[in-house]
């Protein structure tokens, strides 16, 4: 899917609550495509490193979207909303993201 980079104030965002990665893999994505509904993923890997699967709770996704809508940078919104136990420590600024292993600009 498309990566969400900005929020459009003229669009409605539907946050899915169905995890479909096992028995019915990608069923929600397929249904959206059938209905012509645009989909997007959050730019998680561009700003933070998760220890496990990049599946977030609905509450975390809504908090991230609210923070970005309020003007916060994606990296800061992820850091604030996602519990630290799920992430690898990173240093994030508006232009770069670094981890202890890869100090490279994003």
C-alpha atoms as a PDB file:
ATOM      1  CA  UNK A   1       0.000   0.000   0.000  1.00  0.00           C
ATOM      2  CA  UNK A   2       0.812   3.649  -0.301  1.00  0.00           C
ATOM      3  CA  UNK A   3       2.809   5.164   2.585  1.00  0.00           C
ATOM      4  CA  UNK A   4       1.009   7.961   4.396  1.00  0.00           C
ATOM      5  CA  UNK A   5       3.340  10.968   4.578  1.00  0.00           C
ATOM      6  CA  UNK A   6       0.907  13.843   5.165  1.00  0.00           C
ATOM      7  CA  UNK A   7      -2.631  14.089   6.466  1.00  0.00           C
ATOM      8  CA  UNK A   8      -5.216  15.674   4.195  1.00  0.00           C
ATOM      9  CA  UNK A   9      -7.790  17.694   6.198  1.00  0.00           C
ATOM     10  CA  UNK A  10     -10.348  16.995   3.442  1.00  0.00           C
ATOM     11  CA  UNK A  11     -10.168  13.213   3.855  1.00  0.00           C
ATOM     12  CA  UNK A  12     -11.599  10.793   6.371  1.00  0.00           C
ATOM     13  CA  UNK A  13      -9.232   8.191   7.779  1.00  0.00           C
ATOM     14  CA  UNK A  14     -10.595   4.794   8.776  1.00  0.00           C
ATOM     15  CA  UNK A  15      -8.362   2.931  11.201  1.00  0.00           C
ATOM     16  CA  UNK A  16      -8.731  -0.821  10.882  1.00  0.00           C
ATOM     17  CA  UNK A  17      -9.112  -2.975  13.937  1.00  0.00           C
ATOM     18  CA  UNK A  18      -8.881  -6.368  12.233  1.00  0.00           C
ATOM     19  CA  UNK A  19      -5.521  -8.105  12.182  1.00  0.00           C
ATOM     20  CA  UNK A  20      -5.526 -10.306   9.106  1.00  0.00           C
ATOM     21  CA  UNK A  21      -1.998 -11.618   8.791  1.00  0.00           C
ATOM     22  CA  UNK A  22      -2.596 -15.289   9.599  1.00  0.00           C
ATOM     23  CA  UNK A  23      -5.723 -17.217   8.619  1.00  0.00           C
ATOM     24  CA  UNK A  24      -7.222 -14.573   6.327  1.00  0.00           C
ATOM     25  CA  UNK A  25      -4.022 -12.901   5.186  1.00  0.00           C
ATOM     26  CA  UNK A  26      -4.610  -9.442   3.640  1.00  0.00           C
ATOM     27  CA  UNK A  27      -8.401  -9.858   3.472  1.00  0.00           C
ATOM     28  CA  UNK A  28      -9.025  -6.266   4.567  1.00  0.00           C
ATOM     29  CA  UNK A  29      -6.597  -4.910   1.971  1.00  0.00           C
ATOM     30  CA  UNK A  30      -8.198  -7.057  -0.747  1.00  0.00           C
ATOM     31  CA  UNK A  31     -11.711  -5.905   0.190  1.00  0.00           C
ATOM     32  CA  UNK A  32     -10.657  -2.263   0.126  1.00  0.00           C
ATOM     33  CA  UNK A  33      -9.147  -2.778  -3.341  1.00  0.00           C
ATOM     34  CA  UNK A  34     -12.369  -4.442  -4.554  1.00  0.00           C
ATOM     35  CA  UNK A  35     -14.392  -1.466  -3.314  1.00  0.00           C
ATOM     36  CA  UNK A  36     -11.966   1.120  -4.694  1.00  0.00           C
ATOM     37  CA  UNK A  37     -11.087   2.414  -1.232  1.00  0.00           C
ATOM     38  CA  UNK A  38      -7.574   3.887  -1.058  1.00  0.00           C
ATOM     39  CA  UNK A  39      -5.320   2.366   1.596  1.00  0.00           C
ATOM     40  CA  UNK A  40      -2.101   3.538   3.200  1.00  0.00           C
ATOM     41  CA  UNK A  41       0.377   2.388   5.794  1.00  0.00           C
ATOM     42  CA  UNK A  42       1.999   4.525   8.448  1.00  0.00           C
ATOM     43  CA  UNK A  43       5.689   5.336   7.810  1.00  0.00           C
ATOM     44  CA  UNK A  44       6.764   3.317  10.842  1.00  0.00           C
ATOM     45  CA  UNK A  45      10.009   1.815   9.509  1.00  0.00           C
ATOM     46  CA  UNK A  46      11.115   5.184   8.172  1.00  0.00           C
ATOM     47  CA  UNK A  47      11.275   6.621  11.693  1.00  0.00           C
ATOM     48  CA  UNK A  48      11.586   3.865  14.300  1.00  0.00           C
ATOM     49  CA  UNK A  49      12.656   0.248  14.629  1.00  0.00           C
ATOM     50  CA  UNK A  50      10.229  -2.173  16.247  1.00  0.00           C
ATOM     51  CA  UNK A  51      11.336  -5.358  18.000  1.00  0.00           C
ATOM     52  CA  UNK A  52       8.381  -7.281  16.639  1.00  0.00           C
ATOM     53  CA  UNK A  53       5.680  -7.047  14.007  1.00  0.00           C
ATOM     54  CA  UNK A  54       4.705  -3.510  12.951  1.00  0.00           C
ATOM     55  CA  UNK A  55       1.083  -4.133  13.957  1.00  0.00           C
ATOM     56  CA  UNK A  56      -0.071  -1.427  16.356  1.00  0.00           C
ATOM     57  CA  UNK A  57      -3.198  -1.189  18.450  1.00  0.00           C
ATOM     58  CA  UNK A  58      -6.003   0.990  17.157  1.00  0.00           C
ATOM     59  CA  UNK A  59      -5.464   3.312  20.123  1.00  0.00           C
ATOM     60  CA  UNK A  60      -1.792   3.814  19.193  1.00  0.00           C
ATOM     61  CA  UNK A  61      -2.636   4.517  15.549  1.00  0.00           C
ATOM     62  CA  UNK A  62      -5.278   7.087  16.459  1.00  0.00           C
ATOM     63  CA  UNK A  63      -2.881   8.761  18.905  1.00  0.00           C
ATOM     64  CA  UNK A  64      -0.165   8.931  16.234  1.00  0.00           C
ATOM     65  CA  UNK A  65      -2.583  10.417  13.693  1.00  0.00           C
ATOM     66  CA  UNK A  66      -3.827  12.966  16.239  1.00  0.00           C
ATOM     67  CA  UNK A  67      -0.278  14.013  17.091  1.00  0.00           C
ATOM     68  CA  UNK A  68       0.703  14.405  13.421  1.00  0.00           C
ATOM     69  CA  UNK A  69      -2.526  16.305  12.729  1.00  0.00           C
ATOM     70  CA  UNK A  70      -1.602  18.661  15.585  1.00  0.00           C
ATOM     71  CA  UNK A  71       1.741  19.381  13.882  1.00  0.00           C
ATOM     72  CA  UNK A  72       4.075  16.889  15.526  1.00  0.00           C
ATOM     73  CA  UNK A  73       6.745  15.200  13.380  1.00  0.00           C
ATOM     74  CA  UNK A  74       6.053  11.540  12.528  1.00  0.00           C
ATOM     75  CA  UNK A  75       9.107  10.287  14.424  1.00  0.00           C
ATOM     76  CA  UNK A  76       8.174  12.190  17.563  1.00  0.00           C
ATOM     77  CA  UNK A  77       4.567  10.985  17.302  1.00  0.00           C
ATOM     78  CA  UNK A  78       5.718   7.353  17.050  1.00  0.00           C
ATOM     79  CA  UNK A  79       8.089   7.751  19.966  1.00  0.00           C
ATOM     80  CA  UNK A  80       5.377   9.301  22.135  1.00  0.00           C
ATOM     81  CA  UNK A  81       2.616   6.838  21.242  1.00  0.00           C
ATOM     82  CA  UNK A  82       4.367   3.476  20.983  1.00  0.00           C
ATOM     83  CA  UNK A  83       5.522   1.855  24.240  1.00  0.00           C
ATOM     84  CA  UNK A  84       9.318   1.821  24.553  1.00  0.00           C
ATOM     85  CA  UNK A  85       9.285  -1.949  25.162  1.00  0.00           C
ATOM     86  CA  UNK A  86       8.307  -2.383  21.479  1.00  0.00           C
ATOM     87  CA  UNK A  87      11.059  -0.184  20.021  1.00  0.00           C
ATOM     88  CA  UNK A  88      14.811   0.020  19.623  1.00  0.00           C
ATOM     89  CA  UNK A  89      16.234   3.279  20.995  1.00  0.00           C
ATOM     90  CA  UNK A  90      16.554   5.892  18.246  1.00  0.00           C
ATOM     91  CA  UNK A  91      17.383   9.524  17.850  1.00  0.00           C
ATOM     92  CA  UNK A  92      14.845  11.274  15.638  1.00  0.00           C
ATOM     93  CA  UNK A  93      14.791  14.777  14.241  1.00  0.00           C
ATOM     94  CA  UNK A  94      12.740  16.328  11.475  1.00  0.00           C
ATOM     95  CA  UNK A  95      15.366  15.371   8.886  1.00  0.00           C
ATOM     96  CA  UNK A  96      17.180  12.279  10.162  1.00  0.00           C
ATOM     97  CA  UNK A  97      16.611   9.089  12.081  1.00  0.00           C
ATOM     98  CA  UNK A  98      19.541   7.208  13.559  1.00  0.00           C
ATOM     99  CA  UNK A  99      19.834   3.978  15.474  1.00  0.00           C
ATOM    100  CA  UNK A 100      22.881   2.757  17.339  1.00  0.00           C
ATOM    101  CA  UNK A 101      23.621   0.347  14.453  1.00  0.00           C
ATOM    102  CA  UNK A 102      23.037   2.618  11.437  1.00  0.00           C
ATOM    103  CA  UNK A 103      23.678   6.328  11.826  1.00  0.00           C
ATOM    104  CA  UNK A 104      22.327   7.246   8.375  1.00  0.00           C
ATOM    105  CA  UNK A 105      19.919   9.996   7.224  1.00  0.00           C
ATOM    106  CA  UNK A 106      16.417   8.801   6.408  1.00  0.00           C
END
